[in-house]
Amino acid sequence: MEKNGLLGDKLVMALAYGIIGLFAVLCLYPLLLTVSVSFSSEKAIAMNGYSILPQAFSLDTYKYIFVNSGSRILRSYGVTAFVTVAGTLGALLVTSMIAYAISIRKLKYRNILAFISNFTIIFSAGLIPWYMVSVNYYGLKNSMLALILPSLFNVWNMFLMRTYFAGISPSLYEAAEIDGANHFTIFWRVALPLSKTPLLTVGLMYALQYWNDWWHALIFINEKDLFPLQYYLYNILSNVNAISSGRIPSGAAGAITLPAETVKMAVTVITIGPIIFLFPFIQKYFVQGIMTGALKE
């Protein structure tokens, strides 16, 4: 009986690993296809379609992107890196402070703060009033702050952290209060050191949000020196598509054949590269944080 039970467990484990492995391959396939097409010849892609292996291996697409716009791309990388780091740190500070305050049960107005936060998820003033207030009152036109402040606080991330803070034993806070610590000291010296997992989880979410953001640049930024990477590559792709589709007169493009399809894939590779290398190092913290925030006692 024990041998049959062990054999059954092994079969179940083998089946589970097989299904997970198949799912991983299905998830990996689009990424491999993207990289392959980005290193393929535009002519080969037009004749044979997409392939998992590069067709007529070529670096022409990357040369077109970096030779024509190399310095601006590097500058855009710098803008995006600064916005991602500064925005993530600022967002973590604001989000964790609000989450800690709402997690304290004896806080007088905690329910009002929670209601106001929930209210902003359901109702909003609309795009035009938001833009007018941001530009006319906050001065977020052609400013680096325009890429940071609009995404500085996310209600869902706040409630995720609130759940974790609420799981910390109140006796730790009481002991700190007996020793004369105020709420800021408790937050900084007790709550945050015990919350590395949710901080990394929420930090990754904010970092991805800032890294992939091009919408705020489209709305607020006109100066090319302030273009983040995503928006600058979006402009390159839009120009290539416009020329290839004939919306720009042929005299403007001359006799040059632009790599329209491979540019799409190369832009994707350039964009997601740093995130792919970063994610494996913090994946376990991300999973733990999501599971912790999903539990409610």
Protein backbone atom coordinates (compact mmCIF):
# COMPACT_ATOMS: atom_id res chain seq x y z
CA MET A 1 0.00 0.00 0.00
CA GLU A 2 2.80 2.39 0.92
CA LYS A 3 4.60 1.64 -2.34
CA ASN A 4 1.41 2.27 -4.33
CA GLY A 5 0.89 5.51 -2.42
CA LEU A 6 4.44 6.67 -3.14
CA LEU A 7 4.09 5.71 -6.79
CA GLY A 8 0.84 7.66 -7.01
CA ASP A 9 2.45 10.71 -5.40
CA LYS A 10 5.35 10.55 -7.86
CA LEU A 11 2.95 10.33 -10.80
CA VAL A 12 1.00 13.32 -9.54
CA MET A 13 4.21 15.30 -9.03
CA ALA A 14 5.47 14.32 -12.50
CA LEU A 15 2.16 15.37 -14.05
CA ALA A 16 2.20 18.67 -12.14
CA TYR A 17 5.77 19.43 -13.20
CA GLY A 18 4.91 18.50 -16.79
CA ILE A 19 1.93 20.86 -16.88
CA ILE A 20 3.90 23.68 -15.25
CA GLY A 21 6.82 23.09 -17.63
CA LEU A 22 4.48 23.19 -20.63
CA PHE A 23 2.92 26.41 -19.37
CA ALA A 24 6.41 27.90 -18.89
CA VAL A 25 7.33 27.01 -22.48
CA LEU A 26 4.11 28.61 -23.75
CA CYS A 27 4.96 31.78 -21.80
CA LEU A 28 8.57 31.75 -23.03
CA TYR A 29 7.69 31.21 -26.69
CA PRO A 30 6.48 34.80 -27.42
CA LEU A 31 9.63 36.21 -25.81
CA LEU A 32 11.91 33.98 -27.89
CA LEU A 33 9.90 34.85 -30.98
CA THR A 34 10.30 38.56 -30.26
CA VAL A 35 14.07 38.30 -29.82
CA SER A 36 14.39 36.16 -32.95
CA VAL A 37 12.44 38.55 -35.16
CA SER A 38 14.40 41.54 -33.86
CA PHE A 39 17.62 39.91 -35.14
CA SER A 40 16.13 38.86 -38.48
CA SER A 41 16.20 40.53 -41.85
CA GLU A 42 13.13 42.60 -42.69
CA LYS A 43 13.01 41.02 -46.15
CA ALA A 44 13.09 37.49 -44.72
CA ILE A 45 10.29 38.32 -42.29
CA ALA A 46 8.18 39.75 -45.12
CA MET A 47 8.69 36.62 -47.24
CA ASN A 48 8.55 33.84 -44.62
CA GLY A 49 6.80 35.32 -41.59
CA TYR A 50 7.89 35.01 -37.99
CA SER A 51 10.15 32.21 -36.82
CA ILE A 52 11.55 31.02 -33.50
CA LEU A 53 15.05 31.16 -35.04
CA PRO A 54 16.48 34.30 -36.67
CA GLN A 55 16.07 34.38 -40.45
CA ALA A 56 19.04 35.84 -42.32
CA PHE A 57 20.59 37.10 -39.08
CA SER A 58 20.91 40.85 -39.21
CA LEU A 59 21.70 43.74 -36.89
CA ASP A 60 20.31 46.33 -39.31
CA THR A 61 17.31 47.09 -37.10
CA TYR A 62 19.43 47.82 -34.02
CA LYS A 63 21.83 49.84 -36.16
CA TYR A 64 18.92 51.88 -37.47
CA ILE A 65 17.69 52.57 -33.94
CA PHE A 66 21.02 53.28 -32.22
CA VAL A 67 22.97 54.89 -35.06
CA ASN A 68 20.22 57.39 -35.85
CA SER A 69 19.16 57.99 -32.24
CA GLY A 70 21.83 56.43 -30.05
CA SER A 71 22.62 59.46 -27.89
CA ARG A 72 18.96 60.31 -27.36
CA ILE A 73 18.14 56.72 -26.46
CA LEU A 74 20.90 56.72 -23.84
CA ARG A 75 19.55 60.00 -22.47
CA SER A 76 16.05 58.53 -22.43
CA TYR A 77 17.41 55.53 -20.55
CA GLY A 78 18.84 57.94 -17.97
CA VAL A 79 15.53 59.79 -17.64
CA THR A 80 13.64 56.53 -17.23
CA ALA A 81 16.14 55.17 -14.70
CA PHE A 82 15.97 58.35 -12.62
CA VAL A 83 12.17 58.48 -12.74
CA THR A 84 11.92 54.78 -11.85
CA VAL A 85 14.28 54.99 -8.87
CA ALA A 86 13.03 58.33 -7.51
CA GLY A 87 9.39 57.51 -8.17
CA THR A 88 9.60 54.04 -6.61
CA LEU A 89 11.31 55.30 -3.45
CA GLY A 90 8.86 58.20 -3.09
CA ALA A 91 5.85 55.99 -3.80
CA LEU A 92 7.02 53.41 -1.26
CA LEU A 93 7.42 56.11 1.39
CA VAL A 94 3.98 57.64 0.79
CA THR A 95 2.20 54.30 0.41
CA SER A 96 3.79 52.69 3.45
CA MET A 97 3.08 55.69 5.69
CA ILE A 98 -0.62 55.75 4.74
CA ALA A 99 -0.86 51.96 5.03
CA TYR A 100 0.73 52.03 8.49
CA ALA A 101 -1.62 54.80 9.66
CA ILE A 102 -4.73 52.92 8.49
CA SER A 103 -3.50 49.69 10.08
CA ILE A 104 -3.46 51.32 13.58
CA ARG A 105 -6.87 50.48 15.01
CA LYS A 106 -6.89 53.27 17.56
CA LEU A 107 -6.24 55.94 14.93
CA LYS A 108 -9.21 58.29 15.13
CA TYR A 109 -9.86 58.93 11.44
CA ARG A 110 -8.57 55.69 9.91
CA ASN A 111 -11.98 54.73 8.48
CA ILE A 112 -12.36 58.12 6.85
CA LEU A 113 -8.92 57.81 5.23
CA ALA A 114 -9.79 54.32 4.00
CA PHE A 115 -13.11 55.56 2.59
CA ILE A 116 -11.48 58.45 0.75
CA SER A 117 -8.90 56.08 -0.73
CA ASN A 118 -11.62 53.66 -1.88
CA PHE A 119 -13.67 56.53 -3.28
CA THR A 120 -10.88 57.52 -5.68
CA ILE A 121 -10.93 54.03 -7.19
CA ILE A 122 -14.62 54.25 -8.08
CA PHE A 123 -14.95 57.93 -9.04
CA SER A 124 -12.63 60.35 -10.78
CA ALA A 125 -12.92 63.89 -12.13
CA GLY A 126 -12.03 62.92 -15.69
CA LEU A 127 -9.03 63.49 -17.93
CA ILE A 128 -9.58 67.17 -18.83
CA PRO A 129 -10.07 68.49 -15.24
CA TRP A 130 -7.14 66.36 -14.09
CA TYR A 131 -4.93 67.80 -16.82
CA MET A 132 -5.97 71.39 -16.12
CA VAL A 133 -5.32 71.06 -12.39
CA SER A 134 -1.98 69.32 -12.96
CA VAL A 135 -0.74 71.96 -15.41
CA ASN A 136 -2.31 75.18 -14.10
CA TYR A 137 -2.04 74.60 -10.36
CA TYR A 138 0.76 72.05 -9.92
CA GLY A 139 2.96 73.25 -12.81
CA LEU A 140 3.62 69.77 -14.18
CA LYS A 141 4.24 70.86 -17.78
CA ASN A 142 7.68 69.91 -19.15
CA SER A 143 8.89 68.90 -15.70
CA MET A 144 10.48 65.74 -14.40
CA LEU A 145 7.92 65.81 -11.60
CA ALA A 146 5.22 65.27 -14.23
CA LEU A 147 6.62 61.76 -14.71
CA ILE A 148 6.75 61.03 -10.95
CA LEU A 149 3.91 62.68 -9.03
CA PRO A 150 0.86 61.31 -10.94
CA SER A 151 1.85 57.71 -10.10
CA LEU A 152 3.12 58.37 -6.58
CA PHE A 153 0.22 56.65 -4.82
CA ASN A 154 -1.74 53.52 -5.71
CA VAL A 155 -4.69 52.56 -3.52
CA TRP A 156 -4.47 48.84 -4.26
CA ASN A 157 -0.79 48.77 -3.27
CA MET A 158 -1.64 50.70 -0.11
CA PHE A 159 -4.25 48.16 0.99
CA LEU A 160 -1.82 45.33 0.22
CA MET A 161 0.69 46.89 2.61
CA ARG A 162 -2.03 47.70 5.14
CA THR A 163 -2.90 44.00 5.34
CA TYR A 164 0.71 43.15 6.14
CA PHE A 165 1.11 45.93 8.72
CA ALA A 166 -2.11 44.78 10.40
CA GLY A 167 -0.57 41.31 10.81
CA ILE A 168 2.31 42.63 12.94
CA SER A 169 1.73 41.95 16.64
CA PRO A 170 0.37 45.05 18.44
CA SER A 171 2.52 44.12 21.43
CA LEU A 172 5.59 45.25 19.51
CA TYR A 173 4.06 48.67 19.02
CA GLU A 174 2.98 48.84 22.66
CA ALA A 175 6.47 47.93 23.85
CA ALA A 176 7.93 50.70 21.70
CA GLU A 177 5.38 53.18 23.08
CA ILE A 178 6.33 52.22 26.64
CA ASP A 179 9.95 52.98 25.74
CA GLY A 180 8.86 56.46 24.67
CA ALA A 181 8.74 56.01 20.89
CA ASN A 182 6.27 58.07 18.88
CA HIS A 183 4.38 56.76 15.84
CA PHE A 184 7.01 57.89 13.35
CA THR A 185 9.75 56.12 15.30
CA ILE A 186 7.61 52.98 15.53
CA PHE A 187 6.93 53.15 11.79
CA TRP A 188 10.60 53.66 10.91
CA ARG A 189 12.28 51.41 13.50
CA VAL A 190 9.70 48.63 13.98
CA ALA A 191 7.16 48.38 11.15
CA LEU A 192 9.42 48.89 8.13
CA PRO A 193 12.22 46.46 9.18
CA LEU A 194 9.55 43.77 9.63
CA SER A 195 7.99 44.49 6.23
CA LYS A 196 10.76 43.84 3.72
CA THR A 197 8.65 41.35 1.74
CA PRO A 198 5.68 43.69 1.06
CA LEU A 199 8.07 46.58 0.44
CA LEU A 200 9.87 44.60 -2.25
CA THR A 201 6.57 43.42 -3.72
CA VAL A 202 4.98 46.85 -3.88
CA GLY A 203 8.30 48.36 -4.93
CA LEU A 204 8.45 46.01 -7.92
CA MET A 205 4.91 47.01 -8.91
CA TYR A 206 5.76 50.69 -8.73
CA ALA A 207 9.05 50.16 -10.58
CA LEU A 208 7.29 48.37 -13.44
CA GLN A 209 4.67 51.09 -13.52
CA TYR A 210 7.25 53.86 -13.79
CA TRP A 211 9.48 51.96 -16.20
CA ASN A 212 6.65 51.22 -18.64
CA ASP A 213 4.99 54.63 -18.40
CA TRP A 214 4.75 56.63 -21.61
CA TRP A 215 1.28 58.12 -21.11
CA HIS A 216 2.33 60.93 -18.77
CA ALA A 217 5.14 61.90 -21.14
CA LEU A 218 2.60 62.09 -23.97
CA ILE A 219 0.36 64.32 -21.86
CA PHE A 220 2.88 66.62 -20.17
CA ILE A 221 6.26 66.54 -21.96
CA ASN A 222 7.17 68.43 -25.13
CA GLU A 223 10.94 68.78 -24.63
CA LYS A 224 12.85 65.88 -26.19
CA ASP A 225 15.52 65.98 -23.47
CA LEU A 226 12.85 64.91 -20.96
CA PHE A 227 11.45 62.03 -23.01
CA PRO A 228 11.57 58.71 -21.10
CA LEU A 229 12.67 55.59 -22.92
CA GLN A 230 9.20 54.21 -23.52
CA TYR A 231 7.89 57.40 -25.09
CA TYR A 232 10.98 57.96 -27.23
CA LEU A 233 10.83 54.43 -28.63
CA TYR A 234 7.09 54.89 -29.12
CA ASN A 235 7.89 57.93 -31.30
CA ILE A 236 10.43 55.95 -33.33
CA LEU A 237 7.93 53.18 -33.92
CA SER A 238 5.17 55.64 -34.84
CA ASN A 239 7.44 57.38 -37.37
CA VAL A 240 8.46 54.08 -38.95
CA ASN A 241 4.85 52.94 -39.23
CA ALA A 242 3.79 56.29 -40.69
CA ILE A 243 6.50 56.19 -43.38
CA SER A 244 5.90 52.52 -44.17
CA SER A 245 2.14 53.01 -44.50
CA GLY A 246 2.57 55.98 -46.85
CA ARG A 247 1.01 58.57 -44.57
CA ILE A 248 4.24 60.57 -44.99
CA PRO A 249 4.96 61.63 -48.62
CA SER A 250 7.42 59.40 -50.43
CA GLY A 251 9.81 62.31 -50.97
CA ALA A 252 10.30 62.55 -47.21
CA ALA A 253 11.35 58.91 -46.93
CA GLY A 254 13.26 58.73 -50.21
CA ALA A 255 14.13 55.28 -51.46
CA ILE A 256 14.91 53.93 -48.00
CA THR A 257 13.11 50.76 -46.93
CA LEU A 258 12.53 50.93 -43.19
CA PRO A 259 12.44 47.76 -41.05
CA ALA A 260 8.86 48.19 -39.85
CA GLU A 261 8.21 44.69 -38.42
CA THR A 262 11.63 44.09 -36.90
CA VAL A 263 11.63 47.56 -35.32
CA LYS A 264 8.54 46.61 -33.31
CA MET A 265 10.34 43.61 -31.86
CA ALA A 266 13.63 45.43 -31.30
CA VAL A 267 11.85 48.20 -29.41
CA THR A 268 10.22 45.55 -27.22
CA VAL A 269 13.59 43.91 -26.49
CA ILE A 270 15.24 47.24 -25.63
CA THR A 271 12.34 48.12 -23.35
CA ILE A 272 11.93 44.92 -21.35
CA GLY A 273 15.61 43.91 -21.17
CA PRO A 274 16.49 45.45 -17.78
CA ILE A 275 13.25 44.22 -16.20
CA ILE A 276 13.88 40.64 -17.33
CA PHE A 277 17.30 40.63 -15.68
CA LEU A 278 15.98 42.19 -12.47
CA PHE A 279 12.86 40.11 -11.93
CA PRO A 280 14.50 36.70 -11.13
CA PHE A 281 16.34 38.21 -8.13
CA ILE A 282 13.16 39.42 -6.42
CA GLN A 283 10.63 36.90 -7.73
CA LYS A 284 10.40 34.96 -4.45
CA TYR A 285 9.72 38.14 -2.48
CA PHE A 286 7.08 39.13 -5.02
CA VAL A 287 5.22 35.82 -4.64
CA GLN A 288 5.46 35.92 -0.83
CA GLY A 289 4.17 39.48 -0.74
CA ILE A 290 1.20 38.73 -2.96
CA MET A 291 0.25 35.69 -0.85
CA THR A 292 0.60 37.66 2.38
CA GLY A 293 -1.60 40.47 1.10
CA ALA A 294 -4.21 37.98 -0.05
CA LEU A 295 -4.77 36.59 3.46
CA LYS A 296 -7.12 38.22 5.90
CA GLU A 297 -7.66 36.95 9.42
